Amino acid sequence: MANFDAMLAEFDVFREAPSRSGGGGGGVADAGRSLPRQRIRARTLIRVTLRSRLPDLGLVALGGALGSIARVGVSTAIGPVDATGGFPLATLVVNLFGSFALGALIAGTTARDEVRWRRLRLLLGTGLLGGFTTYSLLAADLAASLLDERFGMAMGYAFATVTGGAIASGLGVLLGQRIARAHTRPVASEATR
C-alpha cells in the first residue's frame, strides 16, 4: 500500500500546503493556509474508493483483454467481411453470442449477492463479454454499408443485430434462470426417496 500512497501523492491535487504559522504542517483551523474540511474529506474518499476498487478494475481489465482476444479469434475463424460477401458475419455472430451469454450470466448470478458472484459478473460480464462484443464495430460496419449505398444490407444487418440480440439475450436469461433454480433446489433426503 505504501507504493500506492506514493503514486497517489504524485497526482494528488488536494495536497496540503505547509503551514506558515510554524505549527508543524497546518491544520483545518488554520483556514487561510490549509485545505478546507471538504477537500480533506474528498481526498480520503478518493483514496478509500481507489483502494477498494482496484481489484475490481483488475478483474474487468483481465476479462476485457481475454474477451478481445476471443473476438479476434472468432473474426479470424469466420474471415473478413470480403470473404462473407460483404456482410459482417463475424461481428453479428460475436454480438449475438455475447447477448446470449450475458443474459445467462446475469440471470444465473443476480439472485446470489455474495462477493464472489459480484466479482464473477465483473470478470465475465463487464470484462470478458464487454471486450468480446463490439457494438462500435456494428456502427462502423453500418456506416460503411450506407456509404457504399448498400441500404438493404445495412437495414437487414441492423435488424438482425438488434432483434437477434434481444432474442438471444432472452434465451440466455431463460437458461440462466433454469441453471440457477437447479442449483438452489434442496436435495431430497434419503427418507423421502
N, C-alpha and C. Protein backbone atom coordinates (compact mmCIF):
# COMPACT_ATOMS: atom_id res chain seq x y z
N MET A 1 0.81 -1.21 0.00
CA MET A 1 0.00 0.00 0.00
C MET A 1 0.85 1.27 0.00
N ALA A 2 2.09 1.16 0.47
CA ALA A 2 2.94 2.34 0.51
C ALA A 2 3.22 2.85 -0.90
N ASN A 3 3.43 1.92 -1.85
CA ASN A 3 3.64 2.34 -3.23
C ASN A 3 2.42 3.05 -3.78
N PHE A 4 1.24 2.56 -3.42
CA PHE A 4 0.00 3.19 -3.88
C PHE A 4 -0.10 4.61 -3.32
N ASP A 5 0.23 4.78 -2.04
CA ASP A 5 0.19 6.11 -1.43
C ASP A 5 1.17 7.06 -2.12
N ALA A 6 2.36 6.56 -2.44
CA ALA A 6 3.35 7.41 -3.11
C ALA A 6 2.87 7.79 -4.50
N MET A 7 2.28 6.82 -5.23
CA MET A 7 1.76 7.10 -6.57
C MET A 7 0.63 8.12 -6.49
N LEU A 8 -0.27 7.94 -5.55
CA LEU A 8 -1.39 8.85 -5.40
C LEU A 8 -0.91 10.25 -5.02
N ALA A 9 0.12 10.32 -4.19
CA ALA A 9 0.64 11.63 -3.77
C ALA A 9 1.17 12.42 -4.96
N GLU A 10 1.75 11.73 -5.96
CA GLU A 10 2.25 12.44 -7.14
C GLU A 10 1.15 13.13 -7.91
N PHE A 11 -0.02 12.51 -7.94
CA PHE A 11 -1.13 13.04 -8.72
C PHE A 11 -2.18 13.73 -7.87
N ASP A 12 -1.89 13.87 -6.58
CA ASP A 12 -2.88 14.38 -5.64
C ASP A 12 -3.03 15.89 -5.80
N VAL A 13 -4.20 16.31 -6.28
CA VAL A 13 -4.46 17.74 -6.44
C VAL A 13 -4.89 18.39 -5.13
N PHE A 14 -5.13 17.57 -4.12
CA PHE A 14 -5.56 18.11 -2.84
C PHE A 14 -4.41 18.15 -1.84
N ARG A 15 -3.17 18.22 -2.30
CA ARG A 15 -2.02 18.25 -1.41
C ARG A 15 -2.14 19.42 -0.43
N GLU A 16 -1.85 19.15 0.81
CA GLU A 16 -1.94 20.19 1.83
C GLU A 16 -0.67 21.03 1.81
N ALA A 17 -0.86 22.32 1.79
CA ALA A 17 0.28 23.24 1.82
C ALA A 17 0.83 23.32 3.23
N PRO A 18 2.16 23.50 3.39
CA PRO A 18 2.72 23.63 4.73
C PRO A 18 2.20 24.90 5.42
N SER A 19 2.07 24.83 6.70
CA SER A 19 1.56 25.96 7.47
C SER A 19 2.61 27.05 7.58
N ARG A 20 2.16 28.29 7.49
CA ARG A 20 3.08 29.42 7.67
C ARG A 20 3.15 29.83 9.14
N SER A 21 2.29 29.23 9.96
CA SER A 21 2.27 29.63 11.37
C SER A 21 3.30 28.90 12.19
N GLY A 22 4.01 27.96 11.55
CA GLY A 22 5.05 27.23 12.28
C GLY A 22 4.49 26.15 13.16
N GLY A 23 3.24 25.83 13.01
CA GLY A 23 2.60 24.84 13.86
C GLY A 23 2.83 23.41 13.43
N GLY A 24 3.66 23.16 12.46
CA GLY A 24 4.01 21.78 12.10
C GLY A 24 3.08 21.15 11.11
N GLY A 25 2.75 21.79 10.02
CA GLY A 25 2.01 21.11 8.97
C GLY A 25 0.65 21.67 8.73
N GLY A 26 0.28 22.68 9.43
CA GLY A 26 -1.02 23.31 9.16
C GLY A 26 -2.15 22.49 9.73
N GLY A 27 -3.26 23.08 9.90
CA GLY A 27 -4.42 22.39 10.42
C GLY A 27 -5.65 22.94 9.78
N VAL A 28 -6.75 22.24 10.03
CA VAL A 28 -8.01 22.66 9.45
C VAL A 28 -8.44 23.99 10.02
N ALA A 29 -8.08 24.25 11.27
CA ALA A 29 -8.47 25.51 11.90
C ALA A 29 -7.73 26.70 11.30
N ASP A 30 -6.59 26.44 10.65
CA ASP A 30 -5.78 27.48 10.04
C ASP A 30 -6.33 27.72 8.63
N ALA A 31 -7.53 28.31 8.54
CA ALA A 31 -8.34 28.34 7.31
C ALA A 31 -7.63 28.90 6.10
N GLY A 32 -6.87 29.96 6.22
CA GLY A 32 -6.25 30.58 5.06
C GLY A 32 -5.02 29.85 4.57
N ARG A 33 -4.48 28.94 5.34
CA ARG A 33 -3.20 28.33 4.99
C ARG A 33 -3.27 26.81 4.82
N SER A 34 -4.43 26.21 4.87
CA SER A 34 -4.54 24.76 4.70
C SER A 34 -5.82 24.43 3.95
N LEU A 35 -5.99 23.16 3.71
CA LEU A 35 -7.17 22.72 2.97
C LEU A 35 -8.43 22.83 3.81
N PRO A 36 -9.54 23.19 3.20
CA PRO A 36 -10.80 23.14 3.95
C PRO A 36 -11.19 21.69 4.24
N ARG A 37 -12.06 21.52 5.20
CA ARG A 37 -12.51 20.17 5.58
C ARG A 37 -13.06 19.37 4.41
N GLN A 38 -13.79 20.03 3.51
CA GLN A 38 -14.39 19.32 2.38
C GLN A 38 -13.32 18.68 1.49
N ARG A 39 -12.22 19.36 1.29
CA ARG A 39 -11.16 18.79 0.44
C ARG A 39 -10.46 17.64 1.14
N ILE A 40 -10.30 17.74 2.43
CA ILE A 40 -9.68 16.64 3.17
C ILE A 40 -10.59 15.42 3.09
N ARG A 41 -11.89 15.61 3.26
CA ARG A 41 -12.83 14.50 3.16
C ARG A 41 -12.84 13.92 1.75
N ALA A 42 -12.79 14.78 0.74
CA ALA A 42 -12.77 14.31 -0.65
C ALA A 42 -11.51 13.50 -0.91
N ARG A 43 -10.40 13.95 -0.39
CA ARG A 43 -9.14 13.23 -0.57
C ARG A 43 -9.22 11.86 0.06
N THR A 44 -9.74 11.77 1.26
CA THR A 44 -9.90 10.49 1.93
C THR A 44 -10.85 9.60 1.16
N LEU A 45 -11.94 10.14 0.69
CA LEU A 45 -12.91 9.37 -0.08
C LEU A 45 -12.29 8.83 -1.37
N ILE A 46 -11.51 9.64 -2.05
CA ILE A 46 -10.84 9.20 -3.28
C ILE A 46 -9.90 8.05 -2.98
N ARG A 47 -9.10 8.16 -1.93
CA ARG A 47 -8.16 7.09 -1.57
C ARG A 47 -8.88 5.80 -1.22
N VAL A 48 -9.90 5.89 -0.41
CA VAL A 48 -10.64 4.71 0.00
C VAL A 48 -11.32 4.06 -1.20
N THR A 49 -11.92 4.87 -2.06
CA THR A 49 -12.60 4.35 -3.24
C THR A 49 -11.62 3.67 -4.18
N LEU A 50 -10.48 4.30 -4.44
CA LEU A 50 -9.49 3.70 -5.32
C LEU A 50 -8.96 2.40 -4.76
N ARG A 51 -8.65 2.39 -3.49
CA ARG A 51 -8.12 1.16 -2.87
C ARG A 51 -9.13 0.03 -2.93
N SER A 52 -10.39 0.33 -2.69
CA SER A 52 -11.40 -0.72 -2.68
C SER A 52 -11.78 -1.17 -4.08
N ARG A 53 -11.58 -0.34 -5.08
CA ARG A 53 -11.98 -0.67 -6.45
C ARG A 53 -10.86 -1.25 -7.31
N LEU A 54 -9.62 -1.15 -6.88
CA LEU A 54 -8.52 -1.65 -7.70
C LEU A 54 -8.66 -3.14 -8.05
N PRO A 55 -9.01 -4.01 -7.10
CA PRO A 55 -9.19 -5.42 -7.50
C PRO A 55 -10.31 -5.59 -8.53
N ASP A 56 -11.40 -4.83 -8.38
CA ASP A 56 -12.50 -4.91 -9.34
C ASP A 56 -12.05 -4.44 -10.72
N LEU A 57 -11.29 -3.35 -10.76
CA LEU A 57 -10.78 -2.84 -12.03
C LEU A 57 -9.85 -3.86 -12.68
N GLY A 58 -9.07 -4.55 -11.88
CA GLY A 58 -8.18 -5.59 -12.41
C GLY A 58 -8.96 -6.73 -13.03
N LEU A 59 -10.06 -7.13 -12.39
CA LEU A 59 -10.90 -8.20 -12.95
C LEU A 59 -11.51 -7.78 -14.29
N VAL A 60 -11.99 -6.55 -14.35
CA VAL A 60 -12.58 -6.05 -15.60
C VAL A 60 -11.52 -5.98 -16.70
N ALA A 61 -10.33 -5.50 -16.35
CA ALA A 61 -9.26 -5.38 -17.34
C ALA A 61 -8.83 -6.76 -17.85
N LEU A 62 -8.68 -7.72 -16.96
CA LEU A 62 -8.30 -9.08 -17.36
C LEU A 62 -9.37 -9.68 -18.26
N GLY A 63 -10.62 -9.59 -17.84
CA GLY A 63 -11.72 -10.12 -18.66
C GLY A 63 -11.80 -9.43 -20.01
N GLY A 64 -11.63 -8.11 -20.03
CA GLY A 64 -11.70 -7.35 -21.29
C GLY A 64 -10.61 -7.77 -22.25
N ALA A 65 -9.40 -8.00 -21.73
CA ALA A 65 -8.29 -8.45 -22.59
C ALA A 65 -8.60 -9.82 -23.18
N LEU A 66 -9.08 -10.73 -22.34
CA LEU A 66 -9.40 -12.08 -22.83
C LEU A 66 -10.56 -12.05 -23.82
N GLY A 67 -11.56 -11.22 -23.56
CA GLY A 67 -12.69 -11.11 -24.48
C GLY A 67 -12.29 -10.55 -25.83
N SER A 68 -11.40 -9.58 -25.83
CA SER A 68 -10.93 -9.00 -27.08
C SER A 68 -10.15 -10.02 -27.89
N ILE A 69 -9.33 -10.82 -27.21
CA ILE A 69 -8.58 -11.87 -27.89
C ILE A 69 -9.54 -12.91 -28.48
N ALA A 70 -10.57 -13.26 -27.72
CA ALA A 70 -11.57 -14.22 -28.22
C ALA A 70 -12.29 -13.67 -29.44
N ARG A 71 -12.60 -12.37 -29.43
CA ARG A 71 -13.28 -11.76 -30.58
C ARG A 71 -12.40 -11.84 -31.82
N VAL A 72 -11.12 -11.57 -31.67
CA VAL A 72 -10.20 -11.67 -32.80
C VAL A 72 -10.16 -13.11 -33.31
N GLY A 73 -10.19 -14.07 -32.39
CA GLY A 73 -10.20 -15.49 -32.79
C GLY A 73 -11.42 -15.84 -33.61
N VAL A 74 -12.58 -15.39 -33.18
CA VAL A 74 -13.82 -15.65 -33.93
C VAL A 74 -13.77 -14.96 -35.29
N SER A 75 -13.33 -13.72 -35.31
CA SER A 75 -13.24 -12.98 -36.57
C SER A 75 -12.27 -13.65 -37.54
N THR A 76 -11.19 -14.18 -37.02
CA THR A 76 -10.21 -14.86 -37.87
C THR A 76 -10.80 -16.16 -38.40
N ALA A 77 -11.52 -16.89 -37.56
CA ALA A 77 -12.11 -18.16 -37.99
C ALA A 77 -13.18 -17.95 -39.05
N ILE A 78 -13.99 -16.93 -38.90
CA ILE A 78 -15.07 -16.67 -39.86
C ILE A 78 -14.52 -16.01 -41.12
N GLY A 79 -13.57 -15.15 -40.95
CA GLY A 79 -12.97 -14.48 -42.10
C GLY A 79 -13.41 -13.03 -42.19
N PRO A 80 -12.69 -12.26 -43.01
CA PRO A 80 -13.01 -10.84 -43.15
C PRO A 80 -14.33 -10.62 -43.88
N VAL A 81 -14.80 -9.40 -43.85
CA VAL A 81 -16.07 -9.03 -44.48
C VAL A 81 -16.05 -9.39 -45.97
N ASP A 82 -14.92 -9.25 -46.62
CA ASP A 82 -14.81 -9.58 -48.05
C ASP A 82 -15.08 -11.06 -48.30
N ALA A 83 -14.69 -11.92 -47.35
CA ALA A 83 -14.87 -13.36 -47.52
C ALA A 83 -16.31 -13.80 -47.30
N THR A 84 -17.12 -12.93 -46.71
CA THR A 84 -18.53 -13.29 -46.45
C THR A 84 -19.47 -12.47 -47.32
N GLY A 85 -19.03 -12.13 -48.51
CA GLY A 85 -19.88 -11.42 -49.46
C GLY A 85 -20.19 -9.99 -49.05
N GLY A 86 -19.32 -9.38 -48.28
CA GLY A 86 -19.55 -8.01 -47.85
C GLY A 86 -20.42 -7.89 -46.61
N PHE A 87 -20.86 -9.01 -46.07
CA PHE A 87 -21.70 -9.00 -44.87
C PHE A 87 -20.82 -9.22 -43.64
N PRO A 88 -20.92 -8.39 -42.61
CA PRO A 88 -20.08 -8.52 -41.40
C PRO A 88 -20.56 -9.66 -40.50
N LEU A 89 -20.43 -10.88 -40.99
CA LEU A 89 -20.92 -12.05 -40.27
C LEU A 89 -20.22 -12.24 -38.93
N ALA A 90 -18.92 -12.02 -38.88
CA ALA A 90 -18.18 -12.23 -37.62
C ALA A 90 -18.72 -11.31 -36.52
N THR A 91 -18.96 -10.06 -36.85
CA THR A 91 -19.47 -9.11 -35.86
C THR A 91 -20.86 -9.52 -35.40
N LEU A 92 -21.69 -9.97 -36.32
CA LEU A 92 -23.04 -10.42 -35.96
C LEU A 92 -22.98 -11.62 -35.03
N VAL A 93 -22.15 -12.60 -35.36
CA VAL A 93 -22.02 -13.81 -34.53
C VAL A 93 -21.54 -13.45 -33.13
N VAL A 94 -20.51 -12.62 -33.06
CA VAL A 94 -19.95 -12.21 -31.78
C VAL A 94 -21.00 -11.51 -30.93
N ASN A 95 -21.73 -10.57 -31.51
CA ASN A 95 -22.72 -9.82 -30.75
C ASN A 95 -23.91 -10.67 -30.32
N LEU A 96 -24.35 -11.59 -31.17
CA LEU A 96 -25.46 -12.46 -30.79
C LEU A 96 -25.05 -13.44 -29.70
N PHE A 97 -23.89 -14.04 -29.84
CA PHE A 97 -23.41 -14.95 -28.80
C PHE A 97 -23.19 -14.20 -27.49
N GLY A 98 -22.59 -13.00 -27.58
CA GLY A 98 -22.36 -12.20 -26.37
C GLY A 98 -23.66 -11.82 -25.67
N SER A 99 -24.70 -11.51 -26.44
CA SER A 99 -26.00 -11.18 -25.85
C SER A 99 -26.57 -12.39 -25.12
N PHE A 100 -26.47 -13.56 -25.73
CA PHE A 100 -26.95 -14.80 -25.11
C PHE A 100 -26.19 -15.08 -23.81
N ALA A 101 -24.87 -15.03 -23.90
CA ALA A 101 -24.04 -15.36 -22.74
C ALA A 101 -24.25 -14.35 -21.61
N LEU A 102 -24.38 -13.08 -21.93
CA LEU A 102 -24.60 -12.07 -20.89
C LEU A 102 -25.96 -12.27 -20.22
N GLY A 103 -26.98 -12.59 -21.00
CA GLY A 103 -28.29 -12.86 -20.42
C GLY A 103 -28.23 -14.03 -19.45
N ALA A 104 -27.54 -15.11 -19.85
CA ALA A 104 -27.41 -16.29 -18.99
C ALA A 104 -26.61 -15.97 -17.72
N LEU A 105 -25.54 -15.23 -17.87
CA LEU A 105 -24.70 -14.88 -16.72
C LEU A 105 -25.46 -14.04 -15.72
N ILE A 106 -26.12 -13.01 -16.19
CA ILE A 106 -26.84 -12.12 -15.27
C ILE A 106 -27.99 -12.85 -14.58
N ALA A 107 -28.76 -13.60 -15.34
CA ALA A 107 -29.88 -14.31 -14.74
C ALA A 107 -29.41 -15.39 -13.77
N GLY A 108 -28.29 -16.01 -14.06
CA GLY A 108 -27.79 -17.07 -13.21
C GLY A 108 -27.09 -16.61 -11.95
N THR A 109 -26.67 -15.36 -11.92
CA THR A 109 -25.90 -14.89 -10.76
C THR A 109 -26.52 -13.73 -10.00
N THR A 110 -27.55 -13.10 -10.53
CA THR A 110 -28.11 -11.91 -9.89
C THR A 110 -28.71 -12.22 -8.53
N ALA A 111 -29.39 -13.34 -8.39
CA ALA A 111 -30.02 -13.66 -7.11
C ALA A 111 -28.98 -13.96 -6.03
N ARG A 112 -27.77 -14.23 -6.42
CA ARG A 112 -26.71 -14.54 -5.48
C ARG A 112 -25.92 -13.27 -5.22
N ASP A 113 -26.01 -12.77 -4.03
CA ASP A 113 -25.42 -11.47 -3.72
C ASP A 113 -24.04 -11.56 -3.09
N GLU A 114 -23.48 -12.72 -3.03
CA GLU A 114 -22.17 -12.85 -2.41
C GLU A 114 -21.12 -12.12 -3.23
N VAL A 115 -20.05 -11.76 -2.57
CA VAL A 115 -18.97 -11.02 -3.22
C VAL A 115 -18.40 -11.80 -4.39
N ARG A 116 -18.27 -13.11 -4.26
CA ARG A 116 -17.67 -13.90 -5.35
C ARG A 116 -18.53 -13.86 -6.60
N TRP A 117 -19.85 -13.80 -6.46
CA TRP A 117 -20.73 -13.73 -7.64
C TRP A 117 -20.65 -12.34 -8.29
N ARG A 118 -20.54 -11.32 -7.46
CA ARG A 118 -20.39 -9.96 -7.99
C ARG A 118 -19.08 -9.87 -8.77
N ARG A 119 -18.04 -10.45 -8.23
CA ARG A 119 -16.75 -10.43 -8.91
C ARG A 119 -16.79 -11.26 -10.20
N LEU A 120 -17.51 -12.35 -10.18
CA LEU A 120 -17.66 -13.17 -11.39
C LEU A 120 -18.37 -12.37 -12.48
N ARG A 121 -19.40 -11.60 -12.09
CA ARG A 121 -20.10 -10.74 -13.06
C ARG A 121 -19.16 -9.67 -13.62
N LEU A 122 -18.30 -9.12 -12.77
CA LEU A 122 -17.34 -8.13 -13.25
C LEU A 122 -16.35 -8.76 -14.23
N LEU A 123 -15.82 -9.91 -13.88
CA LEU A 123 -14.83 -10.58 -14.73
C LEU A 123 -15.43 -11.03 -16.06
N LEU A 124 -16.55 -11.76 -15.98
CA LEU A 124 -17.12 -12.35 -17.19
C LEU A 124 -18.09 -11.42 -17.92
N GLY A 125 -18.91 -10.68 -17.19
CA GLY A 125 -19.90 -9.82 -17.83
C GLY A 125 -19.30 -8.52 -18.34
N THR A 126 -18.86 -7.69 -17.41
CA THR A 126 -18.31 -6.40 -17.80
C THR A 126 -17.00 -6.57 -18.57
N GLY A 127 -16.14 -7.46 -18.11
CA GLY A 127 -14.83 -7.64 -18.72
C GLY A 127 -14.85 -8.49 -19.98
N LEU A 128 -15.00 -9.80 -19.81
CA LEU A 128 -14.90 -10.74 -20.93
C LEU A 128 -15.92 -10.45 -22.02
N LEU A 129 -17.18 -10.39 -21.66
CA LEU A 129 -18.22 -10.17 -22.68
C LEU A 129 -18.23 -8.73 -23.18
N GLY A 130 -17.82 -7.79 -22.33
CA GLY A 130 -17.68 -6.41 -22.79
C GLY A 130 -16.58 -6.27 -23.82
N GLY A 131 -15.49 -7.01 -23.64
CA GLY A 131 -14.41 -7.00 -24.61
C GLY A 131 -14.72 -7.83 -25.84
N PHE A 132 -15.54 -8.85 -25.66
CA PHE A 132 -15.88 -9.77 -26.75
C PHE A 132 -16.87 -9.13 -27.73
N THR A 133 -17.93 -8.55 -27.20
CA THR A 133 -18.93 -7.94 -28.08
C THR A 133 -18.42 -6.60 -28.59
N THR A 134 -18.97 -6.18 -29.71
CA THR A 134 -18.45 -4.96 -30.33
C THR A 134 -19.53 -4.20 -31.07
N TYR A 135 -20.26 -3.42 -30.32
CA TYR A 135 -21.29 -2.61 -30.97
C TYR A 135 -20.69 -1.38 -31.65
N SER A 136 -19.46 -1.03 -31.29
CA SER A 136 -18.82 0.07 -32.03
C SER A 136 -18.47 -0.38 -33.44
N LEU A 137 -18.07 -1.65 -33.60
CA LEU A 137 -17.81 -2.16 -34.95
C LEU A 137 -19.12 -2.32 -35.73
N LEU A 138 -20.20 -2.61 -35.03
CA LEU A 138 -21.52 -2.63 -35.67
C LEU A 138 -21.80 -1.27 -36.29
N ALA A 139 -21.56 -0.22 -35.53
CA ALA A 139 -21.81 1.13 -36.05
C ALA A 139 -20.90 1.44 -37.24
N ALA A 140 -19.65 1.04 -37.15
CA ALA A 140 -18.71 1.28 -38.26
C ALA A 140 -19.12 0.48 -39.50
N ASP A 141 -19.53 -0.77 -39.29
CA ASP A 141 -19.98 -1.60 -40.42
C ASP A 141 -21.23 -1.00 -41.07
N LEU A 142 -22.15 -0.53 -40.24
CA LEU A 142 -23.36 0.10 -40.78
C LEU A 142 -23.02 1.36 -41.56
N ALA A 143 -22.13 2.18 -41.01
CA ALA A 143 -21.73 3.40 -41.71
C ALA A 143 -21.07 3.08 -43.05
N ALA A 144 -20.22 2.07 -43.07
CA ALA A 144 -19.55 1.68 -44.32
C ALA A 144 -20.57 1.19 -45.34
N SER A 145 -21.55 0.42 -44.88
CA SER A 145 -22.60 -0.07 -45.79
C SER A 145 -23.42 1.08 -46.37
N LEU A 146 -23.75 2.04 -45.53
CA LEU A 146 -24.52 3.19 -46.00
C LEU A 146 -23.71 4.04 -46.97
N LEU A 147 -22.44 4.21 -46.69
CA LEU A 147 -21.59 4.98 -47.60
C LEU A 147 -21.42 4.27 -48.95
N ASP A 148 -21.45 2.95 -48.92
CA ASP A 148 -21.37 2.16 -50.16
C ASP A 148 -22.74 2.02 -50.84
N GLU A 149 -23.74 2.67 -50.26
CA GLU A 149 -25.12 2.66 -50.76
C GLU A 149 -25.71 1.24 -50.82
N ARG A 150 -25.35 0.44 -49.83
CA ARG A 150 -25.94 -0.90 -49.67
C ARG A 150 -26.98 -0.79 -48.55
N PHE A 151 -28.06 -0.10 -48.85
CA PHE A 151 -29.08 0.24 -47.85
C PHE A 151 -29.81 -1.00 -47.34
N GLY A 152 -30.15 -1.91 -48.23
CA GLY A 152 -30.86 -3.13 -47.82
C GLY A 152 -30.04 -3.97 -46.87
N MET A 153 -28.75 -4.13 -47.20
CA MET A 153 -27.87 -4.90 -46.34
C MET A 153 -27.71 -4.22 -44.99
N ALA A 154 -27.58 -2.91 -44.98
CA ALA A 154 -27.42 -2.17 -43.72
C ALA A 154 -28.66 -2.33 -42.85
N MET A 155 -29.84 -2.22 -43.46
CA MET A 155 -31.08 -2.36 -42.68
C MET A 155 -31.23 -3.79 -42.16
N GLY A 156 -30.92 -4.77 -43.00
CA GLY A 156 -31.01 -6.17 -42.57
C GLY A 156 -30.04 -6.48 -41.44
N TYR A 157 -28.83 -5.96 -41.57
CA TYR A 157 -27.80 -6.17 -40.55
C TYR A 157 -28.21 -5.52 -39.23
N ALA A 158 -28.70 -4.30 -39.29
CA ALA A 158 -29.14 -3.61 -38.07
C ALA A 158 -30.31 -4.36 -37.42
N PHE A 159 -31.27 -4.78 -38.24
CA PHE A 159 -32.43 -5.51 -37.72
C PHE A 159 -32.00 -6.84 -37.11
N ALA A 160 -31.13 -7.57 -37.81
CA ALA A 160 -30.67 -8.87 -37.31
C ALA A 160 -29.91 -8.72 -36.00
N THR A 161 -29.11 -7.67 -35.89
CA THR A 161 -28.33 -7.47 -34.68
C THR A 161 -29.22 -7.09 -33.50
N VAL A 162 -30.10 -6.13 -33.69
CA VAL A 162 -30.92 -5.66 -32.57
C VAL A 162 -31.97 -6.70 -32.18
N THR A 163 -32.70 -7.20 -33.17
CA THR A 163 -33.74 -8.19 -32.87
C THR A 163 -33.13 -9.51 -32.42
N GLY A 164 -32.11 -9.95 -33.14
CA GLY A 164 -31.43 -11.19 -32.75
C GLY A 164 -30.79 -11.07 -31.38
N GLY A 165 -30.23 -9.90 -31.06
CA GLY A 165 -29.63 -9.70 -29.75
C GLY A 165 -30.66 -9.76 -28.64
N ALA A 166 -31.83 -9.19 -28.87
CA ALA A 166 -32.90 -9.24 -27.86
C ALA A 166 -33.38 -10.68 -27.66
N ILE A 167 -33.55 -11.40 -28.74
CA ILE A 167 -33.98 -12.80 -28.64
C ILE A 167 -32.91 -13.64 -27.97
N ALA A 168 -31.65 -13.47 -28.39
CA ALA A 168 -30.56 -14.24 -27.79
C ALA A 168 -30.42 -13.93 -26.30
N SER A 169 -30.55 -12.68 -25.93
CA SER A 169 -30.46 -12.30 -24.53
C SER A 169 -31.61 -12.94 -23.74
N GLY A 170 -32.82 -12.90 -24.29
CA GLY A 170 -33.96 -13.52 -23.62
C GLY A 170 -33.77 -15.02 -23.43
N LEU A 171 -33.25 -15.69 -24.45
CA LEU A 171 -32.97 -17.13 -24.33
C LEU A 171 -31.89 -17.38 -23.29
N GLY A 172 -30.89 -16.51 -23.25
CA GLY A 172 -29.85 -16.63 -22.24
C GLY A 172 -30.40 -16.46 -20.83
N VAL A 173 -31.31 -15.51 -20.66
CA VAL A 173 -31.94 -15.29 -19.36
C VAL A 173 -32.70 -16.55 -18.93
N LEU A 174 -33.45 -17.14 -19.86
CA LEU A 174 -34.19 -18.37 -19.53
C LEU A 174 -33.24 -19.48 -19.11
N LEU A 175 -32.15 -19.65 -19.84
CA LEU A 175 -31.17 -20.67 -19.48
C LEU A 175 -30.55 -20.37 -18.12
N GLY A 176 -30.16 -19.13 -17.89
CA GLY A 176 -29.55 -18.75 -16.62
C GLY A 176 -30.49 -18.98 -15.44
N GLN A 177 -31.77 -18.67 -15.62
CA GLN A 177 -32.75 -18.91 -14.56
C GLN A 177 -32.91 -20.40 -14.29
N ARG A 178 -32.93 -21.18 -15.34
CA ARG A 178 -33.07 -22.63 -15.18
C ARG A 178 -31.87 -23.20 -14.43
N ILE A 179 -30.69 -22.76 -14.79
CA ILE A 179 -29.48 -23.23 -14.11
C ILE A 179 -29.48 -22.78 -12.65
N ALA A 180 -29.87 -21.55 -12.39
CA ALA A 180 -29.90 -21.03 -11.01
C ALA A 180 -30.89 -21.82 -10.16
N ARG A 181 -32.06 -22.11 -10.73
CA ARG A 181 -33.06 -22.90 -9.98
C ARG A 181 -32.55 -24.31 -9.71
N ALA A 182 -31.88 -24.90 -10.67
CA ALA A 182 -31.37 -26.26 -10.49
C ALA A 182 -30.33 -26.32 -9.38
N HIS A 183 -29.58 -25.26 -9.20
CA HIS A 183 -28.53 -25.25 -8.18
C HIS A 183 -29.02 -24.77 -6.83
N THR A 184 -30.25 -24.26 -6.75
CA THR A 184 -30.76 -23.79 -5.46
C THR A 184 -31.82 -24.72 -4.89
N ARG A 185 -32.21 -25.74 -5.64
CA ARG A 185 -33.20 -26.69 -5.11
C ARG A 185 -32.57 -27.53 -4.01
N PRO A 186 -33.35 -27.78 -2.95
CA PRO A 186 -32.82 -28.64 -1.89
C PRO A 186 -32.72 -30.08 -2.39
N VAL A 187 -31.70 -30.77 -1.94
CA VAL A 187 -31.51 -32.17 -2.31
C VAL A 187 -32.43 -33.01 -1.44
N ALA A 188 -33.16 -33.94 -2.07
CA ALA A 188 -34.07 -34.80 -1.32
C ALA A 188 -33.28 -35.71 -0.39
N SER A 189 -33.77 -35.85 0.83
CA SER A 189 -33.07 -36.70 1.80
C SER A 189 -33.39 -38.17 1.53
N GLU A 190 -32.66 -39.05 2.14
CA GLU A 190 -32.84 -40.48 1.94
C GLU A 190 -34.23 -40.91 2.40
N ALA A 191 -34.78 -40.27 3.42
CA ALA A 191 -36.08 -40.67 3.97
C ALA A 191 -37.23 -40.38 3.00
N THR A 192 -37.09 -39.37 2.15
CA THR A 192 -38.19 -39.02 1.26
C THR A 192 -38.12 -39.73 -0.08
N ARG A 193 -37.11 -40.50 -0.31
CA ARG A 193 -36.97 -41.20 -1.60
C ARG A 193 -37.75 -42.43 -1.64
